[in-house]
Amino acid sequence: MTEVNRNKVKKKSIKKRLNKGTKQWLEVLPFIGIGIILFSVLVLFPQIKNLYMAITDYSIMPGHVNTFVGLINFKKALFGFSVPGSDSYFFWIAFRNNILAILVTVPGQLVLGLLVAVLINGVKYGKNIYKVLFYLAVICDWVVVSNIFNYIFQSDKAGLVNYLLIKAHLISAPIAWLQNAWTANAVIWIFCIWKGVGWVMLIYTAALQGISKDLYEAAQIDGANVFQQFFRITLPSLKNTTFFLIINLTIGAMGIFIQVFLLTQGGPIGTTDVLINYSYTRAFKYFEFGYGAAVSILTGLFVFSLSMTCKKYMRYGQEN
């Protein structure tokens, strides 16, 4: 076969594959077209616009020209944290609060959720009723629950927690729970744990039902007690489920916003701020949209890096 004929055959083959691929795309386009449009409008375009805002002096004021500023907004957030009151100082406080939320709320939800799931799984009657009761916290409206928590942790004697503590002679004067940095953060963490335990319980309950009863029967024959069965059978069997929960709860802890927004709004003086609330405040309260966009990008990069790190070292579905 001559060189000319080989080129003709090659071009014909490419054209045939191209036509076949185009035909296949046209056949599936009606099914995925709406999804592609929604993804482009609701996800892709906002991300591109957010990046544009982060590298410009963006403003919504009429007549303002958005000038390119490069990485200045990122530098404002990352550097200069040693100066109290600086942009970076409050950024790293918000970052610290997110990290503390991960360290407190993720183990708290895991332990309590697993404990409740194991107890419900051992009940003979009324399992669904208990599941519904614990899951009610998950579906409760955020605004309603926030108002309840505001009442429970009021800073005067009328607050339920202060009232109980004073009656129990554990404190002599009311505690201003939401006006102090660490007590306010503690209330936010309690709020997060209380709201998420029901979801963790539901996932663990489903996973527990997948563990073969033969394993427990064999363990009982060998003389294993309840605690040995739990640590030798239940926990290892829930390894993949626990990994799934850790990833999702970690991302959720980094995404804390509405709890802070409704309870403390970042106060006092930004000490209870988290990254998303800090970004929101700088953008929509002080109209620093470029800086707020930069903070949101840094938050997203950290969440992605944290998720990939967990996936690498926890080895989902594999042995280390």
Protein backbone atom coordinates (compact mmCIF):
# COMPACT_ATOMS: atom_id res chain seq x y z
CA MET A 1 0.00 0.00 0.00
CA THR A 2 1.40 3.36 -1.04
CA GLU A 3 1.84 6.30 1.30
CA VAL A 4 -1.04 8.16 -0.39
CA ASN A 5 -3.43 5.24 0.12
CA ARG A 6 -2.41 4.87 3.76
CA ASN A 7 -3.14 8.55 4.37
CA LYS A 8 -6.54 8.20 2.71
CA VAL A 9 -7.39 5.18 4.85
CA LYS A 10 -6.22 7.00 7.97
CA LYS A 11 -8.30 10.09 7.19
CA LYS A 12 -11.32 7.94 6.42
CA SER A 13 -10.92 6.11 9.73
CA ILE A 14 -10.64 9.39 11.65
CA LYS A 15 -13.70 10.80 9.90
CA LYS A 16 -15.65 7.63 10.63
CA ARG A 17 -14.76 7.74 14.36
CA LEU A 18 -15.58 11.46 14.48
CA ASN A 19 -18.97 10.92 12.90
CA LYS A 20 -19.67 8.02 15.24
CA GLY A 21 -18.67 10.07 18.29
CA THR A 22 -20.79 13.04 17.15
CA LYS A 23 -23.77 10.78 16.64
CA GLN A 24 -23.37 9.28 20.10
CA TRP A 25 -23.12 12.74 21.69
CA LEU A 26 -26.27 13.89 19.86
CA GLU A 27 -28.11 10.81 21.12
CA VAL A 28 -27.23 11.39 24.80
CA LEU A 29 -27.37 15.21 24.72
CA PRO A 30 -31.13 15.41 25.46
CA PHE A 31 -30.51 13.37 28.61
CA ILE A 32 -27.45 15.23 29.93
CA GLY A 33 -28.02 18.63 28.33
CA ILE A 34 -30.12 20.04 31.19
CA GLY A 35 -27.54 18.80 33.71
CA ILE A 36 -24.69 20.41 31.76
CA ILE A 37 -26.59 23.71 31.56
CA LEU A 38 -27.40 23.70 35.28
CA PHE A 39 -23.82 22.76 36.18
CA SER A 40 -22.44 25.55 33.99
CA VAL A 41 -24.83 28.19 35.34
CA LEU A 42 -24.91 27.20 39.02
CA VAL A 43 -21.40 25.76 39.58
CA LEU A 44 -18.88 26.48 36.83
CA PHE A 45 -19.73 30.14 36.16
CA PRO A 46 -19.86 31.11 39.89
CA GLN A 47 -16.46 29.48 40.43
CA ILE A 48 -14.93 31.36 37.50
CA LYS A 49 -16.56 34.60 38.66
CA ASN A 50 -15.31 33.99 42.21
CA LEU A 51 -11.75 33.57 40.95
CA TYR A 52 -12.09 36.76 38.90
CA MET A 53 -13.31 38.64 41.98
CA ALA A 54 -10.40 37.32 44.07
CA ILE A 55 -7.75 38.74 41.73
CA THR A 56 -9.43 42.11 41.17
CA ASP A 57 -10.49 45.10 43.22
CA TYR A 58 -14.09 44.05 42.72
CA SER A 59 -16.98 46.31 43.64
CA ILE A 60 -20.69 46.44 42.89
CA MET A 61 -20.79 50.24 43.08
CA PRO A 62 -21.87 51.93 39.82
CA GLY A 63 -19.04 53.38 37.82
CA HIS A 64 -16.32 51.43 39.63
CA VAL A 65 -13.70 49.89 37.36
CA ASN A 66 -12.52 46.49 38.59
CA THR A 67 -8.74 46.62 38.40
CA PHE A 68 -6.43 43.61 38.44
CA VAL A 69 -4.63 43.25 41.79
CA GLY A 70 -3.14 39.77 41.42
CA LEU A 71 -2.55 37.89 44.67
CA ILE A 72 -2.88 40.89 46.99
CA ASN A 73 -6.15 39.65 48.50
CA PHE A 74 -4.57 36.27 49.23
CA LYS A 75 -1.53 37.94 50.81
CA LYS A 76 -3.80 40.04 53.05
CA ALA A 77 -5.36 36.85 54.38
CA LEU A 78 -2.24 34.72 54.79
CA PHE A 79 0.46 37.14 55.94
CA GLY A 80 0.65 39.64 58.79
CA PHE A 81 -1.25 37.59 61.35
CA SER A 82 1.14 38.66 64.11
CA VAL A 83 -0.40 42.15 64.06
CA PRO A 84 -3.57 42.21 66.21
CA GLY A 85 -6.51 43.66 64.31
CA SER A 86 -5.07 42.99 60.87
CA ASP A 87 -6.97 41.14 58.15
CA SER A 88 -4.69 38.14 58.49
CA TYR A 89 -5.10 38.12 62.27
CA PHE A 90 -8.87 37.59 62.00
CA PHE A 91 -8.46 35.16 59.10
CA TRP A 92 -6.26 32.86 61.17
CA ILE A 93 -8.62 33.14 64.16
CA ALA A 94 -11.43 31.94 61.89
CA PHE A 95 -9.18 29.18 60.57
CA ARG A 96 -8.30 28.15 64.13
CA ASN A 97 -11.97 27.96 65.04
CA ASN A 98 -12.64 25.71 62.06
CA ILE A 99 -9.81 23.38 63.06
CA LEU A 100 -11.06 23.26 66.66
CA ALA A 101 -14.56 22.54 65.37
CA ILE A 102 -13.18 19.56 63.44
CA LEU A 103 -11.28 18.27 66.48
CA VAL A 104 -14.32 18.60 68.76
CA THR A 105 -17.44 18.02 66.67
CA VAL A 106 -16.24 15.18 64.43
CA PRO A 107 -15.22 12.82 67.29
CA GLY A 108 -18.24 13.98 69.30
CA GLN A 109 -20.71 13.12 66.56
CA LEU A 110 -18.96 9.85 65.74
CA VAL A 111 -18.84 8.57 69.32
CA LEU A 112 -22.36 9.64 70.28
CA GLY A 113 -23.83 8.56 66.95
CA LEU A 114 -22.21 5.12 67.20
CA LEU A 115 -23.27 4.72 70.82
CA VAL A 116 -26.90 5.56 70.01
CA ALA A 117 -26.84 3.30 66.94
CA VAL A 118 -25.52 0.35 68.94
CA LEU A 119 -28.15 0.89 71.65
CA ILE A 120 -30.98 1.14 69.12
CA ASN A 121 -29.68 -1.89 67.23
CA GLY A 122 -29.90 -3.90 70.45
CA VAL A 123 -33.50 -2.94 71.12
CA LYS A 124 -36.08 -5.58 70.17
CA TYR A 125 -39.12 -3.31 69.80
CA GLY A 126 -39.64 0.27 68.64
CA LYS A 127 -36.38 0.75 66.72
CA ASN A 128 -37.98 3.04 64.14
CA ILE A 129 -39.51 5.22 66.84
CA TYR A 130 -36.10 5.80 68.44
CA LYS A 131 -34.57 6.53 65.04
CA VAL A 132 -37.20 9.15 64.32
CA LEU A 133 -36.77 10.76 67.74
CA PHE A 134 -33.02 11.13 67.32
CA TYR A 135 -33.32 12.21 63.68
CA LEU A 136 -35.74 15.02 64.53
CA ALA A 137 -32.78 17.23 65.45
CA VAL A 138 -31.39 16.88 61.92
CA ILE A 139 -34.57 18.05 60.20
CA CYS A 140 -35.45 20.81 62.67
CA ASP A 141 -35.32 24.31 61.20
CA TRP A 142 -32.02 26.08 61.88
CA VAL A 143 -33.66 29.37 62.89
CA VAL A 144 -36.00 27.70 65.38
CA VAL A 145 -33.23 25.65 66.96
CA SER A 146 -30.93 28.70 67.13
CA ASN A 147 -33.60 30.64 69.04
CA ILE A 148 -33.94 27.71 71.44
CA PHE A 149 -30.19 27.61 71.99
CA ASN A 150 -30.16 31.38 72.51
CA TYR A 151 -32.74 30.95 75.24
CA ILE A 152 -31.01 27.95 76.83
CA PHE A 153 -27.67 29.79 76.99
CA GLN A 154 -28.91 33.25 77.94
CA SER A 155 -26.39 35.25 79.94
CA ASP A 156 -28.75 36.04 82.83
CA LYS A 157 -30.45 33.86 85.42
CA ALA A 158 -33.38 33.26 83.06
CA GLY A 159 -31.21 31.08 80.84
CA LEU A 160 -31.93 27.39 81.38
CA VAL A 161 -28.28 26.35 81.72
CA ASN A 162 -27.42 29.17 84.13
CA TYR A 163 -30.57 28.44 86.15
CA LEU A 164 -29.72 24.76 86.51
CA LEU A 165 -26.08 25.44 87.36
CA ILE A 166 -27.01 28.02 90.00
CA LYS A 167 -29.63 25.71 91.51
CA ALA A 168 -27.02 22.94 91.64
CA HIS A 169 -24.62 25.40 93.38
CA LEU A 170 -22.00 24.83 90.66
CA ILE A 171 -21.76 28.56 89.89
CA SER A 172 -22.60 31.62 91.98
CA ALA A 173 -23.23 34.09 89.16
CA PRO A 174 -24.66 33.69 85.64
CA ILE A 175 -22.21 32.97 82.81
CA ALA A 176 -22.37 35.11 79.67
CA TRP A 177 -22.14 32.08 77.39
CA LEU A 178 -22.41 33.85 74.03
CA GLN A 179 -20.42 36.93 75.05
CA ASN A 180 -17.14 35.16 75.84
CA ALA A 181 -14.93 33.68 73.12
CA TRP A 182 -14.42 30.15 74.45
CA THR A 183 -17.85 29.62 75.99
CA ALA A 184 -19.47 30.90 72.78
CA ASN A 185 -17.35 28.52 70.72
CA ALA A 186 -18.34 25.70 73.08
CA VAL A 187 -22.03 26.49 72.53
CA ILE A 188 -21.49 26.42 68.75
CA TRP A 189 -19.75 23.03 69.00
CA ILE A 190 -22.55 21.63 71.19
CA PHE A 191 -25.03 22.92 68.63
CA CYS A 192 -23.17 21.18 65.79
CA ILE A 193 -22.89 17.88 67.68
CA TRP A 194 -26.56 17.91 68.72
CA LYS A 195 -27.68 18.64 65.16
CA GLY A 196 -25.51 15.95 63.56
CA VAL A 197 -25.76 12.97 65.92
CA GLY A 198 -29.03 11.80 64.38
CA TRP A 199 -27.54 11.61 60.89
CA VAL A 200 -24.49 9.69 62.11
CA MET A 201 -26.77 7.36 64.06
CA LEU A 202 -28.80 6.61 60.94
CA ILE A 203 -25.71 5.77 58.85
CA TYR A 204 -24.24 3.56 61.59
CA THR A 205 -27.57 1.81 62.15
CA ALA A 206 -27.72 0.83 58.48
CA ALA A 207 -24.11 -0.39 58.62
CA LEU A 208 -24.71 -2.44 61.78
CA GLN A 209 -27.50 -4.34 60.05
CA GLY A 210 -24.98 -5.50 57.46
CA ILE A 211 -22.75 -7.26 60.02
CA SER A 212 -23.36 -11.00 60.03
CA LYS A 213 -24.89 -12.33 63.27
CA ASP A 214 -22.81 -15.47 62.84
CA LEU A 215 -19.74 -13.49 63.93
CA TYR A 216 -21.37 -12.55 67.24
CA GLU A 217 -22.65 -16.08 67.81
CA ALA A 218 -19.17 -17.50 67.22
CA ALA A 219 -17.70 -14.91 69.60
CA GLN A 220 -20.22 -15.81 72.31
CA ILE A 221 -19.32 -19.48 71.94
CA ASP A 222 -15.65 -18.56 72.39
CA GLY A 223 -16.56 -16.69 75.57
CA ALA A 224 -16.19 -13.11 74.35
CA ASN A 225 -18.06 -10.53 76.43
CA VAL A 226 -20.00 -7.53 75.09
CA PHE A 227 -17.01 -5.17 75.09
CA GLN A 228 -14.77 -7.68 73.33
CA GLN A 229 -17.43 -8.24 70.68
CA PHE A 230 -17.74 -4.48 70.19
CA PHE A 231 -14.00 -3.81 69.81
CA ARG A 232 -13.13 -7.01 67.93
CA ILE A 233 -16.15 -7.33 65.62
CA THR A 234 -18.31 -4.20 65.49
CA LEU A 235 -15.64 -1.51 65.13
CA PRO A 236 -13.52 -3.33 62.49
CA SER A 237 -16.66 -4.09 60.49
CA LEU A 238 -17.58 -0.39 60.51
CA LYS A 239 -14.20 0.78 59.21
CA ASN A 240 -15.41 1.88 55.76
CA THR A 241 -18.54 3.52 57.19
CA THR A 242 -16.42 5.42 59.71
CA PHE A 243 -14.15 6.64 56.93
CA PHE A 244 -17.16 7.88 54.97
CA LEU A 245 -18.49 9.70 58.05
CA ILE A 246 -15.14 11.26 58.94
CA ILE A 247 -14.77 12.75 55.45
CA ASN A 248 -18.31 14.14 55.41
CA LEU A 249 -18.23 15.42 58.98
CA THR A 250 -14.85 17.08 58.41
CA ILE A 251 -16.16 18.86 55.32
CA GLY A 252 -19.25 19.80 57.33
CA ALA A 253 -17.13 21.24 60.15
CA MET A 254 -15.22 23.34 57.61
CA GLY A 255 -18.57 24.48 56.22
CA ILE A 256 -19.95 25.79 59.51
CA PHE A 257 -21.76 29.05 58.82
CA ILE A 258 -25.38 29.23 59.85
CA GLN A 259 -24.61 28.23 63.46
CA VAL A 260 -22.22 31.15 63.88
CA PHE A 261 -24.36 33.55 61.85
CA LEU A 262 -27.45 32.93 63.96
CA LEU A 263 -25.85 32.56 67.41
CA THR A 264 -22.91 34.97 67.61
CA GLN A 265 -22.35 36.54 64.16
CA GLY A 266 -18.65 36.06 64.81
CA GLY A 267 -18.58 38.04 68.05
CA PRO A 268 -17.19 39.03 70.37
CA ILE A 269 -14.75 40.88 68.07
CA GLY A 270 -14.42 38.03 65.59
CA THR A 271 -13.29 35.44 68.14
CA THR A 272 -16.00 32.96 67.17
CA ASP A 273 -15.74 33.56 63.44
CA VAL A 274 -15.24 30.68 61.04
CA LEU A 275 -13.90 30.95 57.51
CA ILE A 276 -17.21 30.99 55.65
CA ASN A 277 -18.81 33.50 58.03
CA TYR A 278 -15.64 35.62 57.89
CA SER A 279 -15.75 35.57 54.08
CA TYR A 280 -19.46 36.43 54.09
CA THR A 281 -18.99 39.30 56.54
CA ARG A 282 -16.12 40.88 54.63
CA ALA A 283 -18.00 40.62 51.35
CA PHE A 284 -21.54 41.62 52.27
CA LYS A 285 -21.01 43.77 55.35
CA TYR A 286 -17.84 45.64 54.42
CA PHE A 287 -18.25 45.19 50.62
CA GLU A 288 -14.74 43.76 50.25
CA PHE A 289 -15.85 41.26 47.62
CA GLY A 290 -12.37 40.56 46.31
CA TYR A 291 -11.01 39.74 49.74
CA GLY A 292 -14.07 37.67 50.63
CA ALA A 293 -13.70 35.69 47.39
CA ALA A 294 -10.03 35.06 48.14
CA VAL A 295 -10.90 33.72 51.60
CA SER A 296 -13.50 31.39 50.09
CA ILE A 297 -10.96 30.03 47.59
CA LEU A 298 -8.44 29.40 50.37
CA THR A 299 -11.16 27.61 52.33
CA GLY A 300 -11.99 25.43 49.34
CA LEU A 301 -8.34 24.55 48.76
CA PHE A 302 -7.88 23.58 52.39
CA VAL A 303 -11.02 21.39 52.38
CA PHE A 304 -9.86 19.66 49.20
CA SER A 305 -6.36 19.08 50.59
CA LEU A 306 -7.74 17.79 53.88
CA SER A 307 -10.09 15.38 52.10
CA MET A 308 -7.31 14.04 49.88
CA THR A 309 -5.03 13.61 52.90
CA CYS A 310 -7.69 11.63 54.76
CA LYS A 311 -8.30 9.50 51.69
CA LYS A 312 -4.60 8.79 51.27
CA TYR A 313 -3.80 7.82 54.84
CA MET A 314 -7.02 6.10 55.78
CA ARG A 315 -7.03 3.95 52.62
CA TYR A 316 -10.74 3.65 51.98
CA GLY A 317 -11.61 0.02 51.28
CA GLN A 318 -7.96 -1.06 51.40
CA GLU A 319 -5.43 -2.23 53.92
CA ASN A 320 -2.55 0.09 54.80
